[in-house]
Amino acid sequence: MEAQRDAAARDWSELPLDALSSIFIKLGAVEILMGAGLVCHSWLHAAKVLPDLWRSVIMVRDAVVADKDESVLCAMAKVALDRSDGQLKVFLAKQFVTDELLNYIGDRSPSLKSIGLISCPDVTNQGFTHLTTRSPLLEDLVLVHCRNVGGDAYEATGVACGATLKRLVLRKGWYDQRGGALGIATMRELRDLSLVGSDITTDELAAVVDACPHLERLRVNDCYNVVVDDALRAKCAGIKDLTLPSVQDAQARYYLDDYDEPLSSRDVDGWGSD
């Protein structure tokens, strides 16, 4: 009974910073901004002065943001970014992201290593390239159904990040901007490349494989301009984990729009663990 009374009487607002850091680090940015960081003044202070909490900002699966206006979500992302004090390493967000937000991130996040944008129709080549060309440490890039990003944006990203980028995931829908194979071929340090719904051709894919000698995993699905022949298989023979499109796959999915197909767990595995 005495232990229970002591627990009931404990003032949780007096927890030291190191204890609060251990608690907050297990939460996501949204949970801190809309929950734990609002418990009391001391917890709010901790959330503001511990930049390590904001090295990873992931806003894709939180039910609490589902009913929030785009401007509110962008404002939350900016608060998280400001609190990171230039230490942001991972940014993964869905739907609400705009060019203006990417410009804001690009101007304040020199340590960024992982970028993931999912179904963001308000992101264009301008905002995307502003961010990637200001991310000299970028290693991991996931771009899913961002219909207004393509073509020259990949080439600009390859020029800026080709020496550091290790993984690229591109998933496109029927109405997404096309092109970009030339840009992928400039990303010579790629280890992991996933292309879903791309208009890349057989010759362009072969050129990418030639230009990226370190590829260990290549996944090409629903890319109907790729004809898998013996020459292409031979060129890809050294890739350990290889998936190429089949005729059956193309026939089965030709009339399907996979716009709302969820990310594979492999697409975001390990994100935010840095």
C-alpha atoms as a PDB file:
ATOM      1  CA  MET A   1       0.000   0.000   0.000  1.00  0.00           C
ATOM      2  CA  GLU A   2       2.817   2.393   0.868  1.00  0.00           C
ATOM      3  CA  ALA A   3       4.482   1.833  -2.522  1.00  0.00           C
ATOM      4  CA  GLN A   4       1.178   2.572  -4.243  1.00  0.00           C
ATOM      5  CA  ARG A   5       0.774   5.811  -2.272  1.00  0.00           C
ATOM      6  CA  ASP A   6       4.316   6.861  -3.195  1.00  0.00           C
ATOM      7  CA  ALA A   7       3.626   6.227  -6.893  1.00  0.00           C
ATOM      8  CA  ALA A   8       0.376   8.169  -6.706  1.00  0.00           C
ATOM      9  CA  ALA A   9       2.121  11.075  -5.021  1.00  0.00           C
ATOM     10  CA  ARG A  10       5.075  11.175  -7.445  1.00  0.00           C
ATOM     11  CA  ASP A  11       5.391  14.384  -9.402  1.00  0.00           C
ATOM     12  CA  TRP A  12       6.070  13.244 -12.973  1.00  0.00           C
ATOM     13  CA  SER A  13       6.879  16.805 -14.002  1.00  0.00           C
ATOM     14  CA  GLU A  14      10.113  16.529 -12.002  1.00  0.00           C
ATOM     15  CA  LEU A  15      11.600  13.742 -14.104  1.00  0.00           C
ATOM     16  CA  PRO A  16      15.160  14.656 -15.163  1.00  0.00           C
ATOM     17  CA  LEU A  17      15.987  15.391 -18.776  1.00  0.00           C
ATOM     18  CA  ASP A  18      17.798  12.105 -19.349  1.00  0.00           C
ATOM     19  CA  ALA A  19      14.746  10.149 -18.156  1.00  0.00           C
ATOM     20  CA  LEU A  20      12.403  12.186 -20.363  1.00  0.00           C
ATOM     21  CA  SER A  21      14.762  11.705 -23.295  1.00  0.00           C
ATOM     22  CA  SER A  22      14.567   7.923 -22.819  1.00  0.00           C
ATOM     23  CA  ILE A  23      10.758   8.154 -22.870  1.00  0.00           C
ATOM     24  CA  PHE A  24      10.400  10.577 -25.771  1.00  0.00           C
ATOM     25  CA  ILE A  25      12.905   8.791 -28.007  1.00  0.00           C
ATOM     26  CA  LYS A  26      10.497   5.843 -28.180  1.00  0.00           C
ATOM     27  CA  LEU A  27       7.749   8.106 -29.510  1.00  0.00           C
ATOM     28  CA  GLY A  28       7.336   9.650 -32.938  1.00  0.00           C
ATOM     29  CA  ALA A  29       7.319  13.340 -33.770  1.00  0.00           C
ATOM     30  CA  VAL A  30       3.531  13.457 -33.925  1.00  0.00           C
ATOM     31  CA  GLU A  31       3.106  11.793 -30.521  1.00  0.00           C
ATOM     32  CA  ILE A  32       5.476  14.295 -28.929  1.00  0.00           C
ATOM     33  CA  LEU A  33       3.979  17.346 -30.634  1.00  0.00           C
ATOM     34  CA  MET A  34       0.381  16.412 -29.913  1.00  0.00           C
ATOM     35  CA  GLY A  35       0.726  14.332 -26.764  1.00  0.00           C
ATOM     36  CA  ALA A  36       3.723  13.847 -24.508  1.00  0.00           C
ATOM     37  CA  GLY A  37       5.164  17.297 -25.123  1.00  0.00           C
ATOM     38  CA  LEU A  38       1.957  18.899 -23.875  1.00  0.00           C
ATOM     39  CA  VAL A  39       1.698  17.063 -20.546  1.00  0.00           C
ATOM     40  CA  CYS A  40       3.256  19.865 -18.503  1.00  0.00           C
ATOM     41  CA  HIS A  41       5.704  22.763 -18.761  1.00  0.00           C
ATOM     42  CA  SER A  42       8.757  20.671 -17.902  1.00  0.00           C
ATOM     43  CA  TRP A  43       7.909  18.040 -20.533  1.00  0.00           C
ATOM     44  CA  LEU A  44       7.330  20.755 -23.120  1.00  0.00           C
ATOM     45  CA  HIS A  45      10.693  22.271 -22.223  1.00  0.00           C
ATOM     46  CA  ALA A  46      12.363  18.876 -22.643  1.00  0.00           C
ATOM     47  CA  ALA A  47      10.758  18.415 -26.054  1.00  0.00           C
ATOM     48  CA  LYS A  48      12.169  21.764 -27.131  1.00  0.00           C
ATOM     49  CA  VAL A  49      15.738  21.408 -25.866  1.00  0.00           C
ATOM     50  CA  LEU A  50      16.533  17.815 -26.875  1.00  0.00           C
ATOM     51  CA  PRO A  51      17.387  17.944 -30.605  1.00  0.00           C
ATOM     52  CA  ASP A  52      18.143  14.207 -30.706  1.00  0.00           C
ATOM     53  CA  LEU A  53      14.394  13.582 -30.450  1.00  0.00           C
ATOM     54  CA  TRP A  54      13.885  15.193 -33.837  1.00  0.00           C
ATOM     55  CA  ARG A  55      16.536  13.465 -35.930  1.00  0.00           C
ATOM     56  CA  SER A  56      13.744  11.347 -37.422  1.00  0.00           C
ATOM     57  CA  VAL A  57      10.400  12.885 -38.454  1.00  0.00           C
ATOM     58  CA  ILE A  58       7.959  10.284 -39.791  1.00  0.00           C
ATOM     59  CA  MET A  59       4.407  11.386 -40.571  1.00  0.00           C
ATOM     60  CA  VAL A  60       2.746   8.635 -42.576  1.00  0.00           C
ATOM     61  CA  ARG A  61       0.864   6.206 -40.360  1.00  0.00           C
ATOM     62  CA  ASP A  62      -0.315   8.277 -37.408  1.00  0.00           C
ATOM     63  CA  ALA A  63      -4.083   8.095 -37.105  1.00  0.00           C
ATOM     64  CA  VAL A  64      -4.002  11.337 -35.145  1.00  0.00           C
ATOM     65  CA  VAL A  65      -2.982  13.339 -38.249  1.00  0.00           C
ATOM     66  CA  ALA A  66      -5.634  11.815 -40.513  1.00  0.00           C
ATOM     67  CA  ASP A  67      -8.155  14.611 -39.919  1.00  0.00           C
ATOM     68  CA  LYS A  68      -5.669  17.476 -39.853  1.00  0.00           C
ATOM     69  CA  ASP A  69      -5.563  20.207 -42.472  1.00  0.00           C
ATOM     70  CA  GLU A  70      -2.536  20.287 -44.773  1.00  0.00           C
ATOM     71  CA  SER A  71      -1.402  23.619 -43.358  1.00  0.00           C
ATOM     72  CA  VAL A  72      -1.537  22.239 -39.801  1.00  0.00           C
ATOM     73  CA  LEU A  73       0.577  19.225 -40.756  1.00  0.00           C
ATOM     74  CA  CYS A  74       3.116  21.426 -42.541  1.00  0.00           C
ATOM     75  CA  ALA A  75       3.303  23.648 -39.454  1.00  0.00           C
ATOM     76  CA  MET A  76       3.888  20.607 -37.246  1.00  0.00           C
ATOM     77  CA  ALA A  77       6.652  19.400 -39.549  1.00  0.00           C
ATOM     78  CA  LYS A  78       8.320  22.829 -39.372  1.00  0.00           C
ATOM     79  CA  VAL A  79       8.207  22.810 -35.570  1.00  0.00           C
ATOM     80  CA  ALA A  80       9.855  19.385 -35.535  1.00  0.00           C
ATOM     81  CA  LEU A  81      12.457  20.615 -38.005  1.00  0.00           C
ATOM     82  CA  ASP A  82      13.239  23.729 -35.967  1.00  0.00           C
ATOM     83  CA  ARG A  83      13.676  21.634 -32.826  1.00  0.00           C
ATOM     84  CA  SER A  84      16.099  19.326 -34.635  1.00  0.00           C
ATOM     85  CA  ASP A  85      18.591  22.206 -34.727  1.00  0.00           C
ATOM     86  CA  GLY A  86      20.029  21.063 -38.049  1.00  0.00           C
ATOM     87  CA  GLN A  87      20.301  17.412 -36.972  1.00  0.00           C
ATOM     88  CA  LEU A  88      17.360  16.030 -39.001  1.00  0.00           C
ATOM     89  CA  LYS A  89      18.441  12.805 -40.686  1.00  0.00           C
ATOM     90  CA  VAL A  90      15.159  11.139 -41.707  1.00  0.00           C
ATOM     91  CA  PHE A  91      12.045  12.743 -43.191  1.00  0.00           C
ATOM     92  CA  LEU A  92       9.155  10.541 -44.326  1.00  0.00           C
ATOM     93  CA  ALA A  93       5.710  12.022 -44.981  1.00  0.00           C
ATOM     94  CA  LYS A  94       2.503  11.304 -46.843  1.00  0.00           C
ATOM     95  CA  GLN A  95       0.114  13.498 -48.844  1.00  0.00           C
ATOM     96  CA  PHE A  96       0.409  16.898 -47.134  1.00  0.00           C
ATOM     97  CA  VAL A  97       3.930  17.875 -48.241  1.00  0.00           C
ATOM     98  CA  THR A  98       4.356  20.958 -50.448  1.00  0.00           C
ATOM     99  CA  ASP A  99       7.219  22.593 -52.330  1.00  0.00           C
ATOM    100  CA  GLU A 100       7.322  25.309 -49.680  1.00  0.00           C
ATOM    101  CA  LEU A 101       7.866  22.732 -46.942  1.00  0.00           C
ATOM    102  CA  LEU A 102      10.630  21.006 -48.918  1.00  0.00           C
ATOM    103  CA  ASN A 103      12.319  24.377 -49.443  1.00  0.00           C
ATOM    104  CA  TYR A 104      12.127  24.949 -45.686  1.00  0.00           C
ATOM    105  CA  ILE A 105      13.667  21.550 -44.961  1.00  0.00           C
ATOM    106  CA  GLY A 106      16.359  21.910 -47.605  1.00  0.00           C
ATOM    107  CA  ASP A 107      17.545  25.220 -46.189  1.00  0.00           C
ATOM    108  CA  ARG A 108      17.855  23.855 -42.636  1.00  0.00           C
ATOM    109  CA  SER A 109      18.849  20.171 -42.806  1.00  0.00           C
ATOM    110  CA  PRO A 110      22.436  19.613 -43.964  1.00  0.00           C
ATOM    111  CA  SER A 111      22.544  16.218 -42.209  1.00  0.00           C
ATOM    112  CA  LEU A 112      19.574  14.687 -44.030  1.00  0.00           C
ATOM    113  CA  LYS A 113      20.222  11.078 -45.093  1.00  0.00           C
ATOM    114  CA  SER A 114      16.773   9.629 -45.842  1.00  0.00           C
ATOM    115  CA  ILE A 115      13.843  11.208 -47.698  1.00  0.00           C
ATOM    116  CA  GLY A 116      10.480   9.548 -48.319  1.00  0.00           C
ATOM    117  CA  LEU A 117       7.528  11.241 -50.043  1.00  0.00           C
ATOM    118  CA  ILE A 118       4.300   9.322 -50.550  1.00  0.00           C
ATOM    119  CA  SER A 119       1.322  10.520 -52.633  1.00  0.00           C
ATOM    120  CA  CYS A 120       2.268  14.197 -52.505  1.00  0.00           C
ATOM    121  CA  PRO A 121       0.567  15.907 -55.483  1.00  0.00           C
ATOM    122  CA  ASP A 122       1.671  19.378 -54.375  1.00  0.00           C
ATOM    123  CA  VAL A 123       5.351  18.522 -54.706  1.00  0.00           C
ATOM    124  CA  THR A 124       6.897  19.492 -58.050  1.00  0.00           C
ATOM    125  CA  ASN A 125      10.351  19.228 -59.565  1.00  0.00           C
ATOM    126  CA  GLN A 126      11.208  22.639 -58.083  1.00  0.00           C
ATOM    127  CA  GLY A 127      10.660  21.717 -54.456  1.00  0.00           C
ATOM    128  CA  PHE A 128      12.024  18.212 -54.843  1.00  0.00           C
ATOM    129  CA  THR A 129      15.298  19.313 -56.448  1.00  0.00           C
ATOM    130  CA  HIS A 130      15.665  22.187 -53.989  1.00  0.00           C
ATOM    131  CA  LEU A 131      15.708  19.587 -51.222  1.00  0.00           C
ATOM    132  CA  THR A 132      17.823  16.882 -52.827  1.00  0.00           C
ATOM    133  CA  THR A 133      20.465  19.264 -54.160  1.00  0.00           C
ATOM    134  CA  ARG A 134      20.913  20.589 -50.618  1.00  0.00           C
ATOM    135  CA  SER A 135      21.260  17.122 -49.099  1.00  0.00           C
ATOM    136  CA  PRO A 136      24.928  16.200 -49.653  1.00  0.00           C
ATOM    137  CA  LEU A 137      24.688  13.174 -47.330  1.00  0.00           C
ATOM    138  CA  LEU A 138      21.550  11.658 -48.892  1.00  0.00           C
ATOM    139  CA  GLU A 139      21.667   7.845 -48.934  1.00  0.00           C
ATOM    140  CA  ASP A 140      18.046   6.726 -49.104  1.00  0.00           C
ATOM    141  CA  LEU A 141      15.305   8.118 -51.366  1.00  0.00           C
ATOM    142  CA  VAL A 142      11.727   6.831 -51.608  1.00  0.00           C
ATOM    143  CA  LEU A 143       9.311   8.547 -54.003  1.00  0.00           C
ATOM    144  CA  VAL A 144       5.849   7.019 -54.318  1.00  0.00           C
ATOM    145  CA  HIS A 145       3.062   8.403 -56.519  1.00  0.00           C
ATOM    146  CA  CYS A 146       4.319  11.972 -56.546  1.00  0.00           C
ATOM    147  CA  ARG A 147       2.827  12.721 -59.925  1.00  0.00           C
ATOM    148  CA  ASN A 148       4.501  16.061 -60.528  1.00  0.00           C
ATOM    149  CA  VAL A 149       8.071  14.882 -59.955  1.00  0.00           C
ATOM    150  CA  GLY A 150      10.090  13.263 -62.732  1.00  0.00           C
ATOM    151  CA  GLY A 151      12.390  13.765 -65.691  1.00  0.00           C
ATOM    152  CA  ASP A 152      15.054  16.375 -64.988  1.00  0.00           C
ATOM    153  CA  ALA A 153      14.518  16.141 -61.221  1.00  0.00           C
ATOM    154  CA  TYR A 154      16.180  12.710 -61.149  1.00  0.00           C
ATOM    155  CA  GLU A 155      19.134  13.933 -63.159  1.00  0.00           C
ATOM    156  CA  ALA A 156      19.621  16.912 -60.824  1.00  0.00           C
ATOM    157  CA  THR A 157      19.411  14.557 -57.833  1.00  0.00           C
ATOM    158  CA  GLY A 158      21.917  12.198 -59.416  1.00  0.00           C
ATOM    159  CA  VAL A 159      24.387  15.003 -60.036  1.00  0.00           C
ATOM    160  CA  ALA A 160      24.042  16.281 -56.463  1.00  0.00           C
ATOM    161  CA  CYS A 161      23.820  12.966 -54.586  1.00  0.00           C
ATOM    162  CA  GLY A 162      25.199  10.341 -56.955  1.00  0.00           C
ATOM    163  CA  ALA A 163      28.266   9.773 -54.783  1.00  0.00           C
ATOM    164  CA  THR A 164      26.236   9.061 -51.617  1.00  0.00           C
ATOM    165  CA  LEU A 165      22.840   7.686 -52.672  1.00  0.00           C
ATOM    166  CA  LYS A 166      22.618   3.964 -51.883  1.00  0.00           C
ATOM    167  CA  ARG A 167      18.912   3.187 -52.275  1.00  0.00           C
ATOM    168  CA  LEU A 168      16.240   4.507 -54.621  1.00  0.00           C
ATOM    169  CA  VAL A 169      12.579   3.477 -54.635  1.00  0.00           C
ATOM    170  CA  LEU A 170      10.378   4.940 -57.389  1.00  0.00           C
ATOM    171  CA  ARG A 171       6.744   3.899 -57.627  1.00  0.00           C
ATOM    172  CA  LYS A 172       4.588   5.599 -60.215  1.00  0.00           C
ATOM    173  CA  GLY A 173       0.873   5.658 -61.063  1.00  0.00           C
ATOM    174  CA  TRP A 174      -0.723   6.040 -64.476  1.00  0.00           C
ATOM    175  CA  TYR A 175      -0.874   9.843 -64.304  1.00  0.00           C
ATOM    176  CA  ASP A 176       2.545  10.494 -62.837  1.00  0.00           C
ATOM    177  CA  GLN A 177       5.195  12.489 -64.696  1.00  0.00           C
ATOM    178  CA  ARG A 178       7.409  10.251 -66.798  1.00  0.00           C
ATOM    179  CA  GLY A 179      11.040  10.041 -67.773  1.00  0.00           C
ATOM    180  CA  GLY A 180      14.110  10.053 -65.584  1.00  0.00           C
ATOM    181  CA  ALA A 181      16.119   6.993 -66.635  1.00  0.00           C
ATOM    182  CA  LEU A 182      19.063   9.205 -67.578  1.00  0.00           C
ATOM    183  CA  GLY A 183      19.056  10.637 -64.072  1.00  0.00           C
ATOM    184  CA  ILE A 184      19.044   7.204 -62.435  1.00  0.00           C
ATOM    185  CA  ALA A 185      22.097   6.258 -64.465  1.00  0.00           C
ATOM    186  CA  THR A 186      24.036   9.072 -62.756  1.00  0.00           C
ATOM    187  CA  MET A 187      23.472   7.480 -59.311  1.00  0.00           C
ATOM    188  CA  ARG A 188      26.535   5.277 -59.614  1.00  0.00           C
ATOM    189  CA  GLU A 189      26.758   4.211 -55.960  1.00  0.00           C
ATOM    190  CA  LEU A 190      23.288   2.633 -55.818  1.00  0.00           C
ATOM    191  CA  ARG A 191      23.066  -0.709 -54.031  1.00  0.00           C
ATOM    192  CA  ASP A 192      19.290  -1.045 -54.059  1.00  0.00           C
ATOM    193  CA  LEU A 193      16.966   0.097 -56.870  1.00  0.00           C
ATOM    194  CA  SER A 194      13.202  -0.466 -57.054  1.00  0.00           C
ATOM    195  CA  LEU A 195      11.194   0.698 -60.064  1.00  0.00           C
ATOM    196  CA  VAL A 196       7.437   0.144 -60.058  1.00  0.00           C
ATOM    197  CA  GLY A 197       5.239   1.507 -62.851  1.00  0.00           C
ATOM    198  CA  SER A 198       8.150   3.264 -64.562  1.00  0.00           C
ATOM    199  CA  ASP A 199       8.211   3.928 -68.305  1.00  0.00           C
ATOM    200  CA  ILE A 200      11.852   2.906 -68.462  1.00  0.00           C
ATOM    201  CA  THR A 201      12.759   0.909 -71.583  1.00  0.00           C
ATOM    202  CA  THR A 202      14.866  -2.204 -71.966  1.00  0.00           C
ATOM    203  CA  ASP A 203      17.819  -0.233 -73.312  1.00  0.00           C
ATOM    204  CA  GLU A 204      17.514   2.384 -70.549  1.00  0.00           C
ATOM    205  CA  LEU A 205      17.428  -0.297 -67.853  1.00  0.00           C
ATOM    206  CA  ALA A 206      20.501  -1.932 -69.354  1.00  0.00           C
ATOM    207  CA  ALA A 207      22.241   1.459 -69.297  1.00  0.00           C
ATOM    208  CA  VAL A 208      21.335   1.907 -65.621  1.00  0.00           C
ATOM    209  CA  VAL A 209      22.747  -1.533 -64.750  1.00  0.00           C
ATOM    210  CA  ASP A 210      25.955  -0.685 -66.626  1.00  0.00           C
ATOM    211  CA  ALA A 211      26.243   2.670 -64.862  1.00  0.00           C
ATOM    212  CA  CYS A 212      25.592   1.295 -61.360  1.00  0.00           C
ATOM    213  CA  PRO A 213      28.143  -1.500 -60.851  1.00  0.00           C
ATOM    214  CA  HIS A 214      27.448  -1.858 -57.106  1.00  0.00           C
ATOM    215  CA  LEU A 215      23.793  -2.900 -57.424  1.00  0.00           C
ATOM    216  CA  GLU A 216      22.956  -5.753 -55.067  1.00  0.00           C
ATOM    217  CA  ARG A 217      19.176  -5.602 -55.342  1.00  0.00           C
ATOM    218  CA  LEU A 218      17.113  -4.657 -58.390  1.00  0.00           C
ATOM    219  CA  ARG A 219      13.329  -4.830 -58.411  1.00  0.00           C
ATOM    220  CA  VAL A 220      11.506  -3.915 -61.636  1.00  0.00           C
ATOM    221  CA  ASN A 221       7.732  -4.413 -61.578  1.00  0.00           C
ATOM    222  CA  ASP A 222       4.930  -3.202 -63.872  1.00  0.00           C
ATOM    223  CA  CYS A 223       7.402  -1.579 -66.258  1.00  0.00           C
ATOM    224  CA  TYR A 224       5.739  -2.427 -69.547  1.00  0.00           C
ATOM    225  CA  ASN A 225       8.438  -1.011 -71.815  1.00  0.00           C
ATOM    226  CA  VAL A 226      10.956  -3.520 -70.487  1.00  0.00           C
ATOM    227  CA  VAL A 227      11.300  -6.702 -72.524  1.00  0.00           C
ATOM    228  CA  VAL A 228      13.195  -9.312 -70.565  1.00  0.00           C
ATOM    229  CA  ASP A 229      15.422 -11.250 -72.953  1.00  0.00           C
ATOM    230  CA  ASP A 230      18.581 -13.279 -72.578  1.00  0.00           C
ATOM    231  CA  ALA A 231      20.763 -10.213 -73.087  1.00  0.00           C
ATOM    232  CA  LEU A 232      19.127  -8.331 -70.232  1.00  0.00           C
ATOM    233  CA  ARG A 233      19.269 -11.351 -67.925  1.00  0.00           C
ATOM    234  CA  ALA A 234      22.939 -11.797 -68.698  1.00  0.00           C
ATOM    235  CA  LYS A 235      23.635  -8.138 -67.936  1.00  0.00           C
ATOM    236  CA  CYS A 236      21.862  -8.511 -64.566  1.00  0.00           C
ATOM    237  CA  ALA A 237      23.499 -11.840 -63.713  1.00  0.00           C
ATOM    238  CA  GLY A 238      25.747 -10.331 -61.060  1.00  0.00           C
ATOM    239  CA  ILE A 239      22.883  -8.804 -59.054  1.00  0.00           C
ATOM    240  CA  LYS A 240      22.163 -10.928 -55.978  1.00  0.00           C
ATOM    241  CA  ASP A 241      18.481 -10.044 -55.476  1.00  0.00           C
ATOM    242  CA  LEU A 242      16.817  -9.635 -58.865  1.00  0.00           C
ATOM    243  CA  THR A 243      13.163  -9.193 -59.859  1.00  0.00           C
ATOM    244  CA  LEU A 244      12.342  -8.474 -63.497  1.00  0.00           C
ATOM    245  CA  PRO A 245       8.870  -8.090 -65.015  1.00  0.00           C
ATOM    246  CA  SER A 246       7.267 -11.080 -66.689  1.00  0.00           C
ATOM    247  CA  VAL A 247       4.766 -11.196 -69.525  1.00  0.00           C
ATOM    248  CA  GLN A 248       2.207 -12.662 -67.140  1.00  0.00           C
ATOM    249  CA  ASP A 249       2.653  -9.797 -64.689  1.00  0.00           C
ATOM    250  CA  ALA A 250       2.172  -7.232 -67.433  1.00  0.00           C
ATOM    251  CA  GLN A 251      -0.995  -8.894 -68.707  1.00  0.00           C
ATOM    252  CA  ALA A 252      -2.437  -9.263 -65.243  1.00  0.00           C
ATOM    253  CA  ARG A 253      -1.897  -5.633 -64.243  1.00  0.00           C
ATOM    254  CA  TYR A 254      -2.277  -3.768 -67.506  1.00  0.00           C
ATOM    255  CA  TYR A 255      -5.735  -2.459 -66.647  1.00  0.00           C
ATOM    256  CA  LEU A 256      -5.082  -1.914 -62.952  1.00  0.00           C
ATOM    257  CA  ASP A 257      -4.139   1.398 -61.386  1.00  0.00           C
ATOM    258  CA  ASP A 258      -2.090   0.725 -58.253  1.00  0.00           C
ATOM    259  CA  TYR A 259      -2.270   4.326 -57.061  1.00  0.00           C
ATOM    260  CA  ASP A 260      -3.308   3.328 -53.553  1.00  0.00           C
ATOM    261  CA  GLU A 261      -1.088   0.264 -53.218  1.00  0.00           C
ATOM    262  CA  PRO A 262       0.629   0.498 -49.834  1.00  0.00           C
ATOM    263  CA  LEU A 263       4.357   0.638 -49.375  1.00  0.00           C
ATOM    264  CA  SER A 264       6.084  -2.667 -48.923  1.00  0.00           C
ATOM    265  CA  SER A 265       7.610  -3.099 -45.482  1.00  0.00           C
ATOM    266  CA  ARG A 266      10.950  -3.426 -47.275  1.00  0.00           C
ATOM    267  CA  ASP A 267      10.512   0.076 -48.687  1.00  0.00           C
ATOM    268  CA  VAL A 268      10.729   1.708 -45.262  1.00  0.00           C
ATOM    269  CA  ASP A 269      12.403  -1.008 -43.198  1.00  0.00           C
ATOM    270  CA  GLY A 270      14.637   0.493 -40.551  1.00  0.00           C
ATOM    271  CA  TRP A 271      13.573   4.100 -41.118  1.00  0.00           C
ATOM    272  CA  GLY A 272      13.880   6.254 -38.039  1.00  0.00           C
ATOM    273  CA  SER A 273      16.193   3.820 -36.267  1.00  0.00           C
ATOM    274  CA  ASP A 274      19.306   5.966 -36.691  1.00  0.00           C
END
